[in-house]
Amino acid sequence: MRTKGNAWVVAAVIGFGAAAYTAWVLEVVLSTGLNPIETYVSELAAQDQPMGGLFRATDFTAGMLAFLGGLLALLRLTRHAESRRPWAVVGWAGITLFGAATAADAWLPLSCAPTVDPECAARETAGLVPATHQAHAISSGLAMTGALTGIVALTVAARRYGRLAPLARYGPALVALELLVTVWTLTAIALFTAGRGTWALGAGQRLQVLCVAVWLGLLAWSVHTERRT
């Protein structure tokens, strides 16, 4: 993005969105009562959790900022034909989807924490929890699909089109790590759903989310750096 315009806005909102997306690290200093090794990140925002309102607010903020950044970038691509290339369009569309779905997560919280509350887990298995549980699973799936699409496509775009130098240099390592921890997380979720324990589900998911946030920060820095060249 060497052209002038709203590139600095894209960099800023993506950067602030990345910061907001790491708000879950506050569990290190706040008394949440949840084990970060075993529990879903989204359980921090459950309706029955003492800090739920705080984490829902930060999720919504992160989602809206990422959505705005992705949308502005897409609008920018429509005005500059030389930048409107397939991998870039797909990548920014993925970031936009990630942001919208993450914001939706905040409005579709879990009612309870199934990994630490056996009664909650039993109700969830029996389908006796609010519909927001299923809706949350869908929105979370869409968020991670959008994130993975954006991470892979924009990293490929940076390398193939000779843009966003920091992302082209460091992005591939983050892509590889993100894919590995995503496999870990999905496997752990499948095992937990089958009643075979959590398998450090929380650690895997937190590392997955952290990789997304670091990559978004790298993307923001790359857009900012290229704007100055």
C-alpha atoms as a PDB file:
ATOM      1  CA  MET A   1       0.000   0.000   0.000  1.00  0.00           C
ATOM      2  CA  ARG A   2       2.339   2.703  -1.207  1.00  0.00           C
ATOM      3  CA  THR A   3      -0.406   5.109  -2.155  1.00  0.00           C
ATOM      4  CA  LYS A   4      -1.606   7.781   0.188  1.00  0.00           C
ATOM      5  CA  GLY A   5      -5.077   7.868   1.652  1.00  0.00           C
ATOM      6  CA  ASN A   6      -6.532   5.903   4.522  1.00  0.00           C
ATOM      7  CA  ALA A   7      -3.642   3.423   4.876  1.00  0.00           C
ATOM      8  CA  TRP A   8      -2.729   4.960   8.239  1.00  0.00           C
ATOM      9  CA  VAL A   9      -6.326   4.426   9.420  1.00  0.00           C
ATOM     10  CA  VAL A  10      -6.192   0.779   8.350  1.00  0.00           C
ATOM     11  CA  ALA A  11      -2.902   0.331  10.205  1.00  0.00           C
ATOM     12  CA  ALA A  12      -4.224   2.047  13.334  1.00  0.00           C
ATOM     13  CA  VAL A  13      -7.529   0.197  13.639  1.00  0.00           C
ATOM     14  CA  ILE A  14      -5.944  -3.181  12.885  1.00  0.00           C
ATOM     15  CA  GLY A  15      -3.235  -2.476  15.442  1.00  0.00           C
ATOM     16  CA  PHE A  16      -5.690  -1.450  18.161  1.00  0.00           C
ATOM     17  CA  GLY A  17      -7.863  -4.425  17.249  1.00  0.00           C
ATOM     18  CA  ALA A  18      -4.882  -6.742  17.748  1.00  0.00           C
ATOM     19  CA  ALA A  19      -4.280  -5.231  21.179  1.00  0.00           C
ATOM     20  CA  ALA A  20      -7.928  -5.638  22.188  1.00  0.00           C
ATOM     21  CA  TYR A  21      -7.859  -9.241  20.983  1.00  0.00           C
ATOM     22  CA  THR A  22      -5.229 -10.020  23.632  1.00  0.00           C
ATOM     23  CA  ALA A  23      -7.389  -8.777  26.519  1.00  0.00           C
ATOM     24  CA  TRP A  24      -7.758 -12.364  27.751  1.00  0.00           C
ATOM     25  CA  VAL A  25      -4.196 -12.129  29.156  1.00  0.00           C
ATOM     26  CA  LEU A  26      -5.757 -10.067  31.955  1.00  0.00           C
ATOM     27  CA  GLU A  27      -6.748 -13.408  33.484  1.00  0.00           C
ATOM     28  CA  VAL A  28      -3.142 -13.544  34.705  1.00  0.00           C
ATOM     29  CA  VAL A  29      -3.843 -10.697  37.144  1.00  0.00           C
ATOM     30  CA  LEU A  30      -7.616 -10.955  37.532  1.00  0.00           C
ATOM     31  CA  SER A  31      -9.322 -13.618  39.609  1.00  0.00           C
ATOM     32  CA  THR A  32     -11.431 -15.391  36.991  1.00  0.00           C
ATOM     33  CA  GLY A  33     -11.597 -18.793  38.652  1.00  0.00           C
ATOM     34  CA  LEU A  34     -10.895 -20.498  35.304  1.00  0.00           C
ATOM     35  CA  ASN A  35      -7.861 -22.635  34.529  1.00  0.00           C
ATOM     36  CA  PRO A  36      -6.235 -21.192  31.378  1.00  0.00           C
ATOM     37  CA  ILE A  37      -4.767 -24.595  30.493  1.00  0.00           C
ATOM     38  CA  GLU A  38      -8.117 -26.376  30.361  1.00  0.00           C
ATOM     39  CA  THR A  39     -10.866 -23.843  29.585  1.00  0.00           C
ATOM     40  CA  TYR A  40     -12.121 -22.168  26.424  1.00  0.00           C
ATOM     41  CA  VAL A  41     -11.091 -18.543  26.021  1.00  0.00           C
ATOM     42  CA  SER A  42     -14.752 -17.733  25.356  1.00  0.00           C
ATOM     43  CA  GLU A  43     -15.683 -19.054  28.801  1.00  0.00           C
ATOM     44  CA  LEU A  44     -14.106 -15.904  30.254  1.00  0.00           C
ATOM     45  CA  ALA A  45     -17.000 -14.008  28.646  1.00  0.00           C
ATOM     46  CA  ALA A  46     -19.731 -16.428  29.747  1.00  0.00           C
ATOM     47  CA  GLN A  47     -22.779 -14.847  31.314  1.00  0.00           C
ATOM     48  CA  ASP A  48     -22.208 -16.535  34.676  1.00  0.00           C
ATOM     49  CA  GLN A  49     -18.589 -15.409  34.989  1.00  0.00           C
ATOM     50  CA  PRO A  50     -17.698 -12.429  37.220  1.00  0.00           C
ATOM     51  CA  MET A  51     -15.571 -10.742  34.537  1.00  0.00           C
ATOM     52  CA  GLY A  52     -17.817 -11.745  31.655  1.00  0.00           C
ATOM     53  CA  GLY A  53     -18.919  -8.205  30.837  1.00  0.00           C
ATOM     54  CA  LEU A  54     -15.330  -6.992  30.553  1.00  0.00           C
ATOM     55  CA  PHE A  55     -14.274  -9.743  28.165  1.00  0.00           C
ATOM     56  CA  ARG A  56     -17.413  -9.395  26.049  1.00  0.00           C
ATOM     57  CA  ALA A  57     -16.654  -5.685  25.691  1.00  0.00           C
ATOM     58  CA  THR A  58     -13.054  -6.299  24.622  1.00  0.00           C
ATOM     59  CA  ASP A  59     -14.148  -9.012  22.167  1.00  0.00           C
ATOM     60  CA  PHE A  60     -16.670  -6.656  20.614  1.00  0.00           C
ATOM     61  CA  THR A  61     -14.093  -3.862  20.393  1.00  0.00           C
ATOM     62  CA  ALA A  62     -11.503  -6.139  18.780  1.00  0.00           C
ATOM     63  CA  GLY A  63     -14.038  -7.467  16.299  1.00  0.00           C
ATOM     64  CA  MET A  64     -15.351  -4.095  15.246  1.00  0.00           C
ATOM     65  CA  LEU A  65     -11.853  -2.671  14.795  1.00  0.00           C
ATOM     66  CA  ALA A  66     -10.756  -5.638  12.675  1.00  0.00           C
ATOM     67  CA  PHE A  67     -13.984  -5.417  10.662  1.00  0.00           C
ATOM     68  CA  LEU A  68     -13.461  -1.698  10.056  1.00  0.00           C
ATOM     69  CA  GLY A  69      -9.830  -2.203   9.059  1.00  0.00           C
ATOM     70  CA  GLY A  70     -10.678  -5.012   6.661  1.00  0.00           C
ATOM     71  CA  LEU A  71     -13.563  -3.112   5.130  1.00  0.00           C
ATOM     72  CA  LEU A  72     -11.480   0.039   4.624  1.00  0.00           C
ATOM     73  CA  ALA A  73      -8.743  -2.020   2.988  1.00  0.00           C
ATOM     74  CA  LEU A  74     -11.260  -3.651   0.631  1.00  0.00           C
ATOM     75  CA  LEU A  75     -12.710  -0.271  -0.288  1.00  0.00           C
ATOM     76  CA  ARG A  76      -9.177   0.948  -0.898  1.00  0.00           C
ATOM     77  CA  LEU A  77      -8.517  -1.959  -3.268  1.00  0.00           C
ATOM     78  CA  THR A  78     -11.592  -1.048  -5.327  1.00  0.00           C
ATOM     79  CA  ARG A  79     -10.109   2.414  -5.947  1.00  0.00           C
ATOM     80  CA  HIS A  80      -6.603   1.244  -6.851  1.00  0.00           C
ATOM     81  CA  ALA A  81      -6.628  -1.335  -9.623  1.00  0.00           C
ATOM     82  CA  GLU A  82      -2.882  -1.964  -9.332  1.00  0.00           C
ATOM     83  CA  SER A  83      -3.410  -3.316  -5.794  1.00  0.00           C
ATOM     84  CA  ARG A  84      -6.596  -5.265  -6.563  1.00  0.00           C
ATOM     85  CA  ARG A  85      -5.046  -8.709  -6.834  1.00  0.00           C
ATOM     86  CA  PRO A  86      -6.737 -12.018  -5.924  1.00  0.00           C
ATOM     87  CA  TRP A  87      -4.707 -12.973  -2.850  1.00  0.00           C
ATOM     88  CA  ALA A  88      -5.014  -9.455  -1.426  1.00  0.00           C
ATOM     89  CA  VAL A  89      -8.779  -9.315  -1.966  1.00  0.00           C
ATOM     90  CA  VAL A  90      -9.308 -12.770  -0.429  1.00  0.00           C
ATOM     91  CA  GLY A  91      -7.051 -11.909   2.496  1.00  0.00           C
ATOM     92  CA  TRP A  92      -8.745  -8.647   3.408  1.00  0.00           C
ATOM     93  CA  ALA A  93     -12.164 -10.285   2.962  1.00  0.00           C
ATOM     94  CA  GLY A  94     -11.024 -12.886   5.493  1.00  0.00           C
ATOM     95  CA  ILE A  95     -10.016 -10.180   7.975  1.00  0.00           C
ATOM     96  CA  THR A  96     -13.409  -8.497   7.494  1.00  0.00           C
ATOM     97  CA  LEU A  97     -15.219 -11.791   8.166  1.00  0.00           C
ATOM     98  CA  PHE A  98     -13.036 -12.422  11.205  1.00  0.00           C
ATOM     99  CA  GLY A  99     -13.899  -9.010  12.630  1.00  0.00           C
ATOM    100  CA  ALA A 100     -17.644  -9.306  12.044  1.00  0.00           C
ATOM    101  CA  ALA A 101     -17.821 -12.807  13.518  1.00  0.00           C
ATOM    102  CA  THR A 102     -15.681 -11.852  16.535  1.00  0.00           C
ATOM    103  CA  ALA A 103     -17.987  -8.925  17.270  1.00  0.00           C
ATOM    104  CA  ALA A 104     -20.960 -11.278  16.935  1.00  0.00           C
ATOM    105  CA  ASP A 105     -19.339 -13.590  19.509  1.00  0.00           C
ATOM    106  CA  ALA A 106     -19.672 -10.844  22.103  1.00  0.00           C
ATOM    107  CA  TRP A 107     -23.440 -10.716  21.541  1.00  0.00           C
ATOM    108  CA  LEU A 108     -23.772 -14.509  21.609  1.00  0.00           C
ATOM    109  CA  PRO A 109     -22.029 -15.454  24.870  1.00  0.00           C
ATOM    110  CA  LEU A 110     -22.100 -18.834  26.532  1.00  0.00           C
ATOM    111  CA  SER A 111     -24.488 -18.979  29.485  1.00  0.00           C
ATOM    112  CA  CYS A 112     -22.050 -21.064  31.547  1.00  0.00           C
ATOM    113  CA  ALA A 113     -18.609 -22.671  31.392  1.00  0.00           C
ATOM    114  CA  PRO A 114     -18.883 -26.317  30.248  1.00  0.00           C
ATOM    115  CA  THR A 115     -15.229 -27.275  30.791  1.00  0.00           C
ATOM    116  CA  VAL A 116     -15.390 -26.515  34.541  1.00  0.00           C
ATOM    117  CA  ASP A 117     -19.101 -26.959  35.288  1.00  0.00           C
ATOM    118  CA  PRO A 118     -20.260 -30.591  34.863  1.00  0.00           C
ATOM    119  CA  GLU A 119     -23.894 -29.508  35.091  1.00  0.00           C
ATOM    120  CA  CYS A 120     -23.352 -26.996  32.292  1.00  0.00           C
ATOM    121  CA  ALA A 121     -21.609 -29.639  30.182  1.00  0.00           C
ATOM    122  CA  ALA A 122     -24.494 -32.080  30.768  1.00  0.00           C
ATOM    123  CA  ARG A 123     -27.087 -29.473  29.797  1.00  0.00           C
ATOM    124  CA  GLU A 124     -25.076 -28.607  26.699  1.00  0.00           C
ATOM    125  CA  THR A 125     -24.871 -32.272  25.678  1.00  0.00           C
ATOM    126  CA  ALA A 126     -28.621 -32.663  26.237  1.00  0.00           C
ATOM    127  CA  GLY A 127     -29.372 -29.498  24.252  1.00  0.00           C
ATOM    128  CA  LEU A 128     -30.847 -27.747  27.276  1.00  0.00           C
ATOM    129  CA  VAL A 129     -28.696 -24.626  27.105  1.00  0.00           C
ATOM    130  CA  PRO A 130     -29.778 -21.391  25.375  1.00  0.00           C
ATOM    131  CA  ALA A 131     -29.551 -21.245  21.586  1.00  0.00           C
ATOM    132  CA  THR A 132     -26.683 -18.791  21.980  1.00  0.00           C
ATOM    133  CA  HIS A 133     -24.378 -21.758  22.682  1.00  0.00           C
ATOM    134  CA  GLN A 134     -24.876 -23.144  19.188  1.00  0.00           C
ATOM    135  CA  ALA A 135     -24.873 -19.671  17.651  1.00  0.00           C
ATOM    136  CA  HIS A 136     -21.631 -18.906  19.484  1.00  0.00           C
ATOM    137  CA  ALA A 137     -20.040 -22.063  18.108  1.00  0.00           C
ATOM    138  CA  ILE A 138     -21.012 -20.979  14.582  1.00  0.00           C
ATOM    139  CA  SER A 139     -19.766 -17.412  14.981  1.00  0.00           C
ATOM    140  CA  SER A 140     -16.515 -18.623  16.574  1.00  0.00           C
ATOM    141  CA  GLY A 141     -16.003 -21.034  13.693  1.00  0.00           C
ATOM    142  CA  LEU A 142     -16.594 -18.255  11.186  1.00  0.00           C
ATOM    143  CA  ALA A 143     -14.193 -15.974  13.073  1.00  0.00           C
ATOM    144  CA  MET A 144     -11.377 -18.500  12.956  1.00  0.00           C
ATOM    145  CA  THR A 145     -12.139 -19.346   9.318  1.00  0.00           C
ATOM    146  CA  GLY A 146     -11.868 -15.662   8.462  1.00  0.00           C
ATOM    147  CA  ALA A 147      -8.679 -15.294  10.497  1.00  0.00           C
ATOM    148  CA  LEU A 148      -6.999 -18.279   8.853  1.00  0.00           C
ATOM    149  CA  THR A 149      -8.078 -17.100   5.408  1.00  0.00           C
ATOM    150  CA  GLY A 150      -6.692 -13.634   6.054  1.00  0.00           C
ATOM    151  CA  ILE A 151      -3.456 -14.877   7.605  1.00  0.00           C
ATOM    152  CA  VAL A 152      -2.657 -17.271   4.773  1.00  0.00           C
ATOM    153  CA  ALA A 153      -3.879 -15.146   1.848  1.00  0.00           C
ATOM    154  CA  LEU A 154      -2.306 -11.854   2.912  1.00  0.00           C
ATOM    155  CA  THR A 155       0.984 -13.548   3.749  1.00  0.00           C
ATOM    156  CA  VAL A 156       0.999 -15.143   0.292  1.00  0.00           C
ATOM    157  CA  ALA A 157       0.060 -11.759  -1.222  1.00  0.00           C
ATOM    158  CA  ALA A 158       2.912 -10.008   0.599  1.00  0.00           C
ATOM    159  CA  ARG A 159       5.466 -12.464  -0.758  1.00  0.00           C
ATOM    160  CA  ARG A 160       4.018 -12.839  -4.254  1.00  0.00           C
ATOM    161  CA  TYR A 161       3.347  -9.167  -4.963  1.00  0.00           C
ATOM    162  CA  GLY A 162       6.395  -7.693  -3.226  1.00  0.00           C
ATOM    163  CA  ARG A 163       4.355  -5.712  -0.695  1.00  0.00           C
ATOM    164  CA  LEU A 164       4.210  -5.380   3.100  1.00  0.00           C
ATOM    165  CA  ALA A 165       7.871  -6.335   3.647  1.00  0.00           C
ATOM    166  CA  PRO A 166       7.689  -7.207   7.384  1.00  0.00           C
ATOM    167  CA  LEU A 167       4.730  -9.492   6.729  1.00  0.00           C
ATOM    168  CA  ALA A 168       6.494 -11.123   3.786  1.00  0.00           C
ATOM    169  CA  ARG A 169       9.512 -11.793   5.992  1.00  0.00           C
ATOM    170  CA  TYR A 170       7.948 -12.987   9.244  1.00  0.00           C
ATOM    171  CA  GLY A 171       4.460 -14.009   8.151  1.00  0.00           C
ATOM    172  CA  PRO A 172       5.270 -17.555   6.962  1.00  0.00           C
ATOM    173  CA  ALA A 173       6.545 -18.593  10.406  1.00  0.00           C
ATOM    174  CA  LEU A 174       3.374 -17.290  12.038  1.00  0.00           C
ATOM    175  CA  VAL A 175       1.248 -19.062   9.415  1.00  0.00           C
ATOM    176  CA  ALA A 176       2.964 -22.376  10.163  1.00  0.00           C
ATOM    177  CA  LEU A 177       2.582 -21.933  13.930  1.00  0.00           C
ATOM    178  CA  GLU A 178      -1.056 -20.878  13.592  1.00  0.00           C
ATOM    179  CA  LEU A 179      -1.895 -23.951  11.519  1.00  0.00           C
ATOM    180  CA  LEU A 180      -0.177 -26.251  14.031  1.00  0.00           C
ATOM    181  CA  VAL A 181      -1.985 -24.840  17.061  1.00  0.00           C
ATOM    182  CA  THR A 182      -5.280 -24.849  15.165  1.00  0.00           C
ATOM    183  CA  VAL A 183      -4.886 -28.602  14.608  1.00  0.00           C
ATOM    184  CA  TRP A 184      -4.091 -28.987  18.329  1.00  0.00           C
ATOM    185  CA  THR A 185      -7.138 -26.946  19.333  1.00  0.00           C
ATOM    186  CA  LEU A 186      -9.563 -28.712  17.008  1.00  0.00           C
ATOM    187  CA  THR A 187      -8.301 -32.118  18.133  1.00  0.00           C
ATOM    188  CA  ALA A 188      -8.658 -31.159  21.796  1.00  0.00           C
ATOM    189  CA  ILE A 189     -12.200 -29.858  21.198  1.00  0.00           C
ATOM    190  CA  ALA A 190     -13.159 -33.117  19.463  1.00  0.00           C
ATOM    191  CA  LEU A 191     -11.762 -35.162  22.352  1.00  0.00           C
ATOM    192  CA  PHE A 192     -13.537 -32.993  24.942  1.00  0.00           C
ATOM    193  CA  THR A 193     -16.821 -33.260  23.045  1.00  0.00           C
ATOM    194  CA  ALA A 194     -16.386 -37.048  23.026  1.00  0.00           C
ATOM    195  CA  GLY A 195     -15.933 -37.004  26.798  1.00  0.00           C
ATOM    196  CA  ARG A 196     -12.221 -37.835  26.761  1.00  0.00           C
ATOM    197  CA  GLY A 197     -10.885 -34.885  28.741  1.00  0.00           C
ATOM    198  CA  THR A 198      -9.719 -31.439  27.736  1.00  0.00           C
ATOM    199  CA  TRP A 199      -6.175 -32.281  26.517  1.00  0.00           C
ATOM    200  CA  ALA A 200      -4.924 -28.776  27.384  1.00  0.00           C
ATOM    201  CA  LEU A 201      -7.641 -27.313  25.186  1.00  0.00           C
ATOM    202  CA  GLY A 202      -7.294 -23.910  26.823  1.00  0.00           C
ATOM    203  CA  ALA A 203      -3.550 -23.694  26.249  1.00  0.00           C
ATOM    204  CA  GLY A 204      -3.923 -24.609  22.587  1.00  0.00           C
ATOM    205  CA  GLN A 205      -6.742 -22.162  21.995  1.00  0.00           C
ATOM    206  CA  ARG A 206      -4.958 -19.348  23.795  1.00  0.00           C
ATOM    207  CA  LEU A 207      -1.859 -19.919  21.696  1.00  0.00           C
ATOM    208  CA  GLN A 208      -4.076 -19.966  18.607  1.00  0.00           C
ATOM    209  CA  VAL A 209      -5.670 -16.648  19.534  1.00  0.00           C
ATOM    210  CA  LEU A 210      -2.292 -15.164  20.474  1.00  0.00           C
ATOM    211  CA  CYS A 211      -0.864 -16.065  17.050  1.00  0.00           C
ATOM    212  CA  VAL A 212      -3.784 -14.287  15.379  1.00  0.00           C
ATOM    213  CA  ALA A 213      -3.211 -11.186  17.502  1.00  0.00           C
ATOM    214  CA  VAL A 214       0.551 -11.138  16.830  1.00  0.00           C
ATOM    215  CA  TRP A 215      -0.061 -11.599  13.112  1.00  0.00           C
ATOM    216  CA  LEU A 216      -2.586  -8.737  13.110  1.00  0.00           C
ATOM    217  CA  GLY A 217      -0.021  -6.562  14.856  1.00  0.00           C
ATOM    218  CA  LEU A 218       2.537  -7.513  12.210  1.00  0.00           C
ATOM    219  CA  LEU A 219       0.021  -6.688   9.479  1.00  0.00           C
ATOM    220  CA  ALA A 220      -0.665  -3.276  11.025  1.00  0.00           C
ATOM    221  CA  TRP A 221       3.063  -2.540  11.252  1.00  0.00           C
ATOM    222  CA  SER A 222       3.573  -3.661   7.658  1.00  0.00           C
ATOM    223  CA  VAL A 223       0.810  -1.377   6.352  1.00  0.00           C
ATOM    224  CA  HIS A 224       2.208   1.524   8.386  1.00  0.00           C
ATOM    225  CA  THR A 225       5.778   0.901   7.185  1.00  0.00           C
ATOM    226  CA  GLU A 226       4.830   0.600   3.535  1.00  0.00           C
ATOM    227  CA  ARG A 227       2.785   3.779   3.708  1.00  0.00           C
ATOM    228  CA  ARG A 228       6.004   5.671   4.505  1.00  0.00           C
ATOM    229  CA  THR A 229       7.965   4.313   1.529  1.00  0.00           C
END
